[in-house]
Structures are given as C-alpha cells and as structure tokens.
C-alpha cells in the first residue's frame, strides 16, 4: 500500500439511524429470550423478565470542530508537490475506523451533501 496525501473537503453533516434487531435475532435462533413463557433472565434480575425489543442507534456528526481537532495537533509537514484533492460535493460513502486495529466502527452513505 502506498500512502498518498489527499486534501479532503467534506460538507457538514449529521446522520442518525435507529434499528430494531429483534426480528433479526429471532430469525437467527435467539427465540426464548423474546418469549414471555420461555425467557430466563435470572442472571440479570430476580424479576420475571423477557426481551421485548433490541434497538441500536447510531449517530455520526461531521463539522468544523471535528476537522479542527483532527488537523490541530502537532506540526504538519507536506511534500513539495501539490497533494491530490477530493471535494465531497456529490454523494459519497464513508468509513470511520479504529486507528490501531483498522476495524470499521461506522460506515455510511451521504446521499445529498
């Protein structure tokens, strides 16, 4: 892999999405936890509990503060040749990765920047 400097211009955007994973988990075989009769969650509480919903919510916000925080640390040394430029003024897909493991933490599509 060759590292290349690229100047990136992103619009400010805020994405928020909620997902109900209950039916997906049932389809994968996790059925008893959703049943009032069969659920056994005694390790969580001494009350009679069952799972009624599994909701996941993700929020991604990109703004000037995020850019300033990322660019405002230390000294920036650039090559003498001009860097490539990417301006996201059209639909684009993005990934937020964990630096140390390179694992994808979030992915999304910005349809109308």
N, C-alpha and C. Protein backbone atom coordinates (compact mmCIF):
# COMPACT_ATOMS: atom_id res chain seq x y z
N UNK A 1 0.84 -1.17 0.00
CA UNK A 1 0.00 0.00 0.00
C UNK A 1 0.89 1.23 0.00
N UNK A 2 0.56 2.20 -0.84
CA UNK A 2 1.30 3.44 -0.91
C UNK A 2 0.49 4.53 -0.23
N UNK A 3 1.09 5.23 0.73
CA UNK A 3 0.41 6.35 1.38
C UNK A 3 0.55 7.59 0.52
N UNK A 4 -0.55 8.27 0.29
CA UNK A 4 -0.56 9.49 -0.50
C UNK A 4 -1.34 10.55 0.26
N UNK A 5 -0.80 11.75 0.29
CA UNK A 5 -1.51 12.85 0.94
C UNK A 5 -2.66 13.29 0.04
N UNK A 6 -3.83 13.46 0.66
CA UNK A 6 -5.01 13.92 -0.07
C UNK A 6 -5.70 14.97 0.78
N UNK A 7 -5.95 16.14 0.21
CA UNK A 7 -6.75 17.15 0.89
C UNK A 7 -8.21 16.82 0.66
N UNK A 8 -8.96 16.65 1.74
CA UNK A 8 -10.37 16.25 1.65
C UNK A 8 -11.24 17.39 2.16
N UNK A 9 -12.24 17.75 1.37
CA UNK A 9 -13.24 18.75 1.79
C UNK A 9 -14.57 18.03 1.94
N UNK A 10 -15.09 18.02 3.17
CA UNK A 10 -16.37 17.37 3.45
C UNK A 10 -17.39 18.41 3.86
N UNK A 11 -18.64 18.20 3.49
CA UNK A 11 -19.68 19.10 3.99
C UNK A 11 -19.98 18.77 5.45
N UNK A 12 -20.57 19.71 6.16
CA UNK A 12 -21.07 19.38 7.49
C UNK A 12 -22.26 18.47 7.31
N UNK A 13 -22.30 17.40 8.08
CA UNK A 13 -23.48 16.54 8.02
C UNK A 13 -23.67 15.83 9.34
N UNK A 14 -24.91 15.44 9.56
CA UNK A 14 -25.30 14.75 10.77
C UNK A 14 -26.20 13.60 10.35
N UNK A 15 -25.85 12.40 10.74
CA UNK A 15 -26.66 11.23 10.40
C UNK A 15 -27.06 10.53 11.69
N UNK A 16 -28.31 10.15 11.74
CA UNK A 16 -28.83 9.43 12.90
C UNK A 16 -29.74 8.33 12.40
N UNK A 17 -29.53 7.14 12.90
CA UNK A 17 -30.32 5.99 12.43
C UNK A 17 -30.57 5.05 13.60
N UNK A 18 -31.77 4.53 13.64
CA UNK A 18 -32.13 3.54 14.65
C UNK A 18 -32.56 2.25 13.97
N UNK A 19 -32.20 1.14 14.56
CA UNK A 19 -32.54 -0.17 14.00
C UNK A 19 -33.14 -1.04 15.10
N UNK A 20 -34.18 -1.77 14.77
CA UNK A 20 -34.77 -2.75 15.68
C UNK A 20 -34.27 -4.12 15.23
N UNK A 21 -33.40 -4.73 16.03
CA UNK A 21 -32.79 -6.00 15.66
C UNK A 21 -33.55 -7.22 16.17
N UNK A 22 -34.68 -7.01 16.84
CA UNK A 22 -35.42 -8.11 17.44
C UNK A 22 -35.73 -9.23 16.48
N UNK A 23 -36.36 -8.92 15.37
CA UNK A 23 -36.75 -9.96 14.42
C UNK A 23 -35.53 -10.64 13.81
N UNK A 24 -34.45 -9.89 13.59
CA UNK A 24 -33.22 -10.50 13.06
C UNK A 24 -32.66 -11.53 14.03
N UNK A 25 -32.68 -11.20 15.32
CA UNK A 25 -32.18 -12.15 16.32
C UNK A 25 -33.07 -13.38 16.41
N UNK A 26 -34.38 -13.19 16.32
CA UNK A 26 -35.30 -14.33 16.31
C UNK A 26 -35.03 -15.21 15.10
N UNK A 27 -34.82 -14.59 13.94
CA UNK A 27 -34.51 -15.35 12.71
C UNK A 27 -33.21 -16.13 12.84
N UNK A 28 -32.28 -15.64 13.66
CA UNK A 28 -31.00 -16.33 13.87
C UNK A 28 -31.10 -17.40 14.94
N UNK A 29 -32.28 -17.55 15.55
CA UNK A 29 -32.47 -18.63 16.51
C UNK A 29 -32.53 -18.21 17.96
N UNK A 30 -32.39 -16.93 18.24
CA UNK A 30 -32.49 -16.46 19.62
C UNK A 30 -33.96 -16.17 19.89
N UNK A 31 -34.69 -17.21 20.25
CA UNK A 31 -36.15 -17.14 20.34
C UNK A 31 -36.63 -17.06 21.79
N UNK A 32 -36.08 -17.89 22.67
CA UNK A 32 -36.59 -17.98 24.04
C UNK A 32 -36.53 -16.65 24.78
N UNK A 33 -35.50 -15.87 24.56
CA UNK A 33 -35.36 -14.59 25.28
C UNK A 33 -36.52 -13.64 24.98
N UNK A 34 -37.16 -13.80 23.81
CA UNK A 34 -38.27 -12.94 23.41
C UNK A 34 -39.63 -13.49 23.85
N UNK A 35 -39.66 -14.65 24.46
CA UNK A 35 -40.91 -15.30 24.85
C UNK A 35 -41.22 -15.04 26.32
N UNK A 36 -42.44 -14.55 26.60
CA UNK A 36 -42.84 -14.33 28.00
C UNK A 36 -42.84 -15.63 28.79
N UNK A 37 -43.11 -16.74 28.12
CA UNK A 37 -43.19 -18.03 28.80
C UNK A 37 -41.82 -18.69 28.96
N UNK A 38 -40.93 -18.55 27.99
CA UNK A 38 -39.67 -19.31 27.99
C UNK A 38 -38.44 -18.52 28.44
N UNK A 39 -38.52 -17.20 28.45
CA UNK A 39 -37.33 -16.39 28.78
C UNK A 39 -36.85 -16.68 30.20
N UNK A 40 -35.52 -16.79 30.34
CA UNK A 40 -34.91 -17.00 31.65
C UNK A 40 -33.76 -16.01 31.77
N UNK A 41 -34.05 -14.86 32.34
CA UNK A 41 -33.04 -13.82 32.50
C UNK A 41 -32.72 -13.61 33.98
N UNK A 42 -32.73 -14.70 34.75
CA UNK A 42 -32.50 -14.61 36.19
C UNK A 42 -31.09 -14.12 36.53
N UNK A 43 -30.15 -14.23 35.62
CA UNK A 43 -28.81 -13.71 35.86
C UNK A 43 -28.76 -12.19 35.83
N UNK A 44 -29.79 -11.57 35.28
CA UNK A 44 -29.86 -10.11 35.19
C UNK A 44 -30.65 -9.53 36.35
N UNK A 45 -31.74 -10.19 36.71
CA UNK A 45 -32.63 -9.69 37.76
C UNK A 45 -33.39 -10.86 38.37
N UNK A 46 -33.87 -10.67 39.59
CA UNK A 46 -34.68 -11.73 40.19
C UNK A 46 -36.15 -11.61 39.78
N UNK A 47 -36.47 -10.58 39.00
CA UNK A 47 -37.82 -10.42 38.48
C UNK A 47 -37.99 -11.25 37.22
N UNK A 48 -39.22 -11.53 36.87
CA UNK A 48 -39.51 -12.28 35.66
C UNK A 48 -39.45 -11.33 34.46
N UNK A 49 -38.39 -11.45 33.68
CA UNK A 49 -38.16 -10.54 32.55
C UNK A 49 -38.09 -11.31 31.24
N UNK A 50 -38.38 -10.60 30.15
CA UNK A 50 -38.13 -11.12 28.81
C UNK A 50 -37.76 -9.95 27.92
N UNK A 51 -37.15 -10.22 26.79
CA UNK A 51 -36.72 -9.18 25.86
C UNK A 51 -37.89 -8.84 24.96
N UNK A 52 -38.26 -7.56 24.92
CA UNK A 52 -39.35 -7.15 24.03
C UNK A 52 -38.81 -6.46 22.78
N UNK A 53 -37.64 -5.82 22.88
CA UNK A 53 -37.06 -5.10 21.75
C UNK A 53 -35.55 -5.06 21.90
N UNK A 54 -34.86 -5.04 20.78
CA UNK A 54 -33.42 -4.80 20.76
C UNK A 54 -33.21 -3.68 19.75
N UNK A 55 -32.86 -2.50 20.25
CA UNK A 55 -32.74 -1.33 19.40
C UNK A 55 -31.29 -0.85 19.41
N UNK A 56 -30.78 -0.53 18.23
CA UNK A 56 -29.44 0.03 18.09
C UNK A 56 -29.60 1.40 17.46
N UNK A 57 -28.91 2.40 18.01
CA UNK A 57 -28.98 3.75 17.46
C UNK A 57 -27.56 4.22 17.19
N UNK A 58 -27.33 4.77 16.03
CA UNK A 58 -26.01 5.28 15.66
C UNK A 58 -26.14 6.73 15.23
N UNK A 59 -25.19 7.55 15.67
CA UNK A 59 -25.16 8.96 15.29
C UNK A 59 -23.75 9.28 14.81
N UNK A 60 -23.65 9.92 13.67
CA UNK A 60 -22.37 10.39 13.14
C UNK A 60 -22.54 11.85 12.79
N UNK A 61 -21.65 12.69 13.31
CA UNK A 61 -21.70 14.12 13.01
C UNK A 61 -20.33 14.58 12.55
N UNK A 62 -20.29 15.25 11.44
CA UNK A 62 -19.04 15.81 10.91
C UNK A 62 -19.24 17.31 10.81
N UNK A 63 -18.36 18.07 11.46
CA UNK A 63 -18.44 19.52 11.38
C UNK A 63 -17.05 20.13 11.51
N UNK A 64 -17.02 21.46 11.58
CA UNK A 64 -15.73 22.15 11.64
C UNK A 64 -14.93 21.77 12.88
N UNK A 65 -15.59 21.56 14.00
CA UNK A 65 -14.87 21.22 15.22
C UNK A 65 -14.13 19.90 15.08
N UNK A 66 -14.76 18.94 14.44
CA UNK A 66 -14.11 17.65 14.21
C UNK A 66 -12.89 17.80 13.32
N UNK A 67 -13.00 18.62 12.31
CA UNK A 67 -11.88 18.85 11.40
C UNK A 67 -10.76 19.59 12.11
N UNK A 68 -11.11 20.59 12.89
CA UNK A 68 -10.08 21.34 13.60
C UNK A 68 -9.34 20.46 14.60
N UNK A 69 -10.06 19.61 15.31
CA UNK A 69 -9.42 18.74 16.29
C UNK A 69 -8.47 17.77 15.62
N UNK A 70 -8.86 17.26 14.44
CA UNK A 70 -8.01 16.30 13.74
C UNK A 70 -6.79 16.98 13.14
N UNK A 71 -6.95 18.22 12.68
CA UNK A 71 -5.86 18.91 11.98
C UNK A 71 -5.02 19.77 12.91
N UNK A 72 -5.49 20.01 14.14
CA UNK A 72 -4.83 20.96 15.01
C UNK A 72 -3.79 20.37 15.94
N UNK A 73 -3.35 19.17 15.71
CA UNK A 73 -2.38 18.56 16.61
C UNK A 73 -1.02 18.49 15.96
N UNK A 74 -0.03 19.08 16.60
CA UNK A 74 1.34 18.96 16.14
C UNK A 74 1.66 19.77 14.90
N UNK A 75 2.75 19.41 14.28
CA UNK A 75 3.24 20.10 13.09
C UNK A 75 2.89 19.27 11.87
N UNK A 76 2.44 19.96 10.83
CA UNK A 76 2.11 19.27 9.59
C UNK A 76 3.22 19.54 8.59
N UNK A 77 3.81 18.49 8.09
CA UNK A 77 4.86 18.61 7.07
C UNK A 77 4.30 18.04 5.79
N UNK A 78 4.34 18.84 4.74
CA UNK A 78 3.76 18.39 3.47
C UNK A 78 4.84 18.28 2.41
N UNK A 79 4.62 17.43 1.44
CA UNK A 79 5.60 17.30 0.36
C UNK A 79 5.59 18.55 -0.52
N UNK A 80 6.65 18.74 -1.27
CA UNK A 80 6.75 19.92 -2.13
C UNK A 80 5.76 19.87 -3.29
N UNK A 81 5.39 18.68 -3.72
CA UNK A 81 4.40 18.60 -4.79
C UNK A 81 3.00 18.80 -4.20
N UNK A 82 2.09 19.31 -4.99
CA UNK A 82 0.73 19.57 -4.51
C UNK A 82 0.01 18.26 -4.23
N UNK A 83 -0.75 18.20 -3.14
CA UNK A 83 -1.48 16.97 -2.84
C UNK A 83 -2.69 16.81 -3.75
N UNK A 84 -3.17 15.58 -3.84
CA UNK A 84 -4.42 15.34 -4.53
C UNK A 84 -5.54 16.01 -3.75
N UNK A 85 -6.64 16.28 -4.42
CA UNK A 85 -7.74 16.96 -3.76
C UNK A 85 -9.03 16.18 -3.99
N UNK A 86 -9.84 16.07 -2.94
CA UNK A 86 -11.13 15.40 -3.04
C UNK A 86 -12.16 16.29 -2.37
N UNK A 87 -13.13 16.77 -3.12
CA UNK A 87 -14.20 17.60 -2.57
C UNK A 87 -15.49 16.81 -2.64
N UNK A 88 -16.07 16.53 -1.50
CA UNK A 88 -17.28 15.70 -1.43
C UNK A 88 -18.51 16.57 -1.65
N UNK A 89 -18.70 17.02 -2.89
CA UNK A 89 -19.89 17.81 -3.24
C UNK A 89 -20.88 16.96 -4.03
N UNK A 90 -20.76 15.67 -3.86
CA UNK A 90 -21.62 14.69 -4.53
C UNK A 90 -21.82 13.53 -3.54
N UNK A 91 -22.74 12.62 -3.81
CA UNK A 91 -22.93 11.50 -2.88
C UNK A 91 -21.62 10.74 -2.65
N UNK A 92 -21.41 10.33 -1.40
CA UNK A 92 -20.19 9.59 -1.08
C UNK A 92 -20.46 8.62 0.05
N UNK A 93 -19.59 7.63 0.17
CA UNK A 93 -19.64 6.66 1.26
C UNK A 93 -18.45 6.93 2.16
N UNK A 94 -18.65 6.75 3.47
CA UNK A 94 -17.55 6.99 4.40
C UNK A 94 -17.43 5.84 5.39
N UNK A 95 -16.24 5.72 5.94
CA UNK A 95 -15.95 4.72 6.98
C UNK A 95 -15.20 5.42 8.10
N UNK A 96 -15.54 5.09 9.33
CA UNK A 96 -14.78 5.54 10.49
C UNK A 96 -14.12 4.28 11.06
N UNK A 97 -12.78 4.31 11.09
CA UNK A 97 -12.05 3.11 11.51
C UNK A 97 -11.28 3.37 12.80
N UNK A 98 -11.01 2.30 13.52
CA UNK A 98 -10.16 2.34 14.70
C UNK A 98 -8.72 2.33 14.21
N UNK A 99 -7.95 3.34 14.59
CA UNK A 99 -6.61 3.51 14.05
C UNK A 99 -5.70 2.32 14.32
N UNK A 100 -5.71 1.80 15.54
CA UNK A 100 -4.78 0.74 15.90
C UNK A 100 -5.10 -0.59 15.24
N UNK A 101 -6.38 -0.92 15.11
CA UNK A 101 -6.76 -2.23 14.57
C UNK A 101 -7.26 -2.17 13.13
N UNK A 102 -7.51 -0.97 12.64
CA UNK A 102 -8.06 -0.75 11.30
C UNK A 102 -9.45 -1.39 11.14
N UNK A 103 -10.14 -1.63 12.25
CA UNK A 103 -11.50 -2.17 12.21
C UNK A 103 -12.49 -1.05 11.91
N UNK A 104 -13.49 -1.35 11.10
CA UNK A 104 -14.52 -0.38 10.77
C UNK A 104 -15.48 -0.27 11.95
N UNK A 105 -15.63 0.94 12.49
CA UNK A 105 -16.55 1.20 13.60
C UNK A 105 -17.90 1.68 13.09
N UNK A 106 -17.90 2.52 12.07
CA UNK A 106 -19.11 3.04 11.45
C UNK A 106 -18.90 3.10 9.95
N UNK A 107 -19.97 2.90 9.21
CA UNK A 107 -19.94 3.16 7.77
C UNK A 107 -21.27 3.80 7.42
N UNK A 108 -21.26 4.62 6.39
CA UNK A 108 -22.49 5.29 6.00
C UNK A 108 -22.40 5.87 4.61
N UNK A 109 -23.54 6.31 4.11
CA UNK A 109 -23.60 6.97 2.81
C UNK A 109 -24.23 8.34 3.00
N UNK A 110 -23.62 9.35 2.44
CA UNK A 110 -24.19 10.70 2.42
C UNK A 110 -24.73 10.90 1.01
N UNK A 111 -26.04 10.89 0.87
CA UNK A 111 -26.67 10.93 -0.45
C UNK A 111 -26.73 12.34 -1.02
N UNK A 112 -27.06 13.33 -0.20
CA UNK A 112 -27.16 14.70 -0.70
C UNK A 112 -26.39 15.65 0.21
N UNK A 113 -25.08 15.77 -0.03
CA UNK A 113 -24.25 16.63 0.81
C UNK A 113 -24.57 18.11 0.62
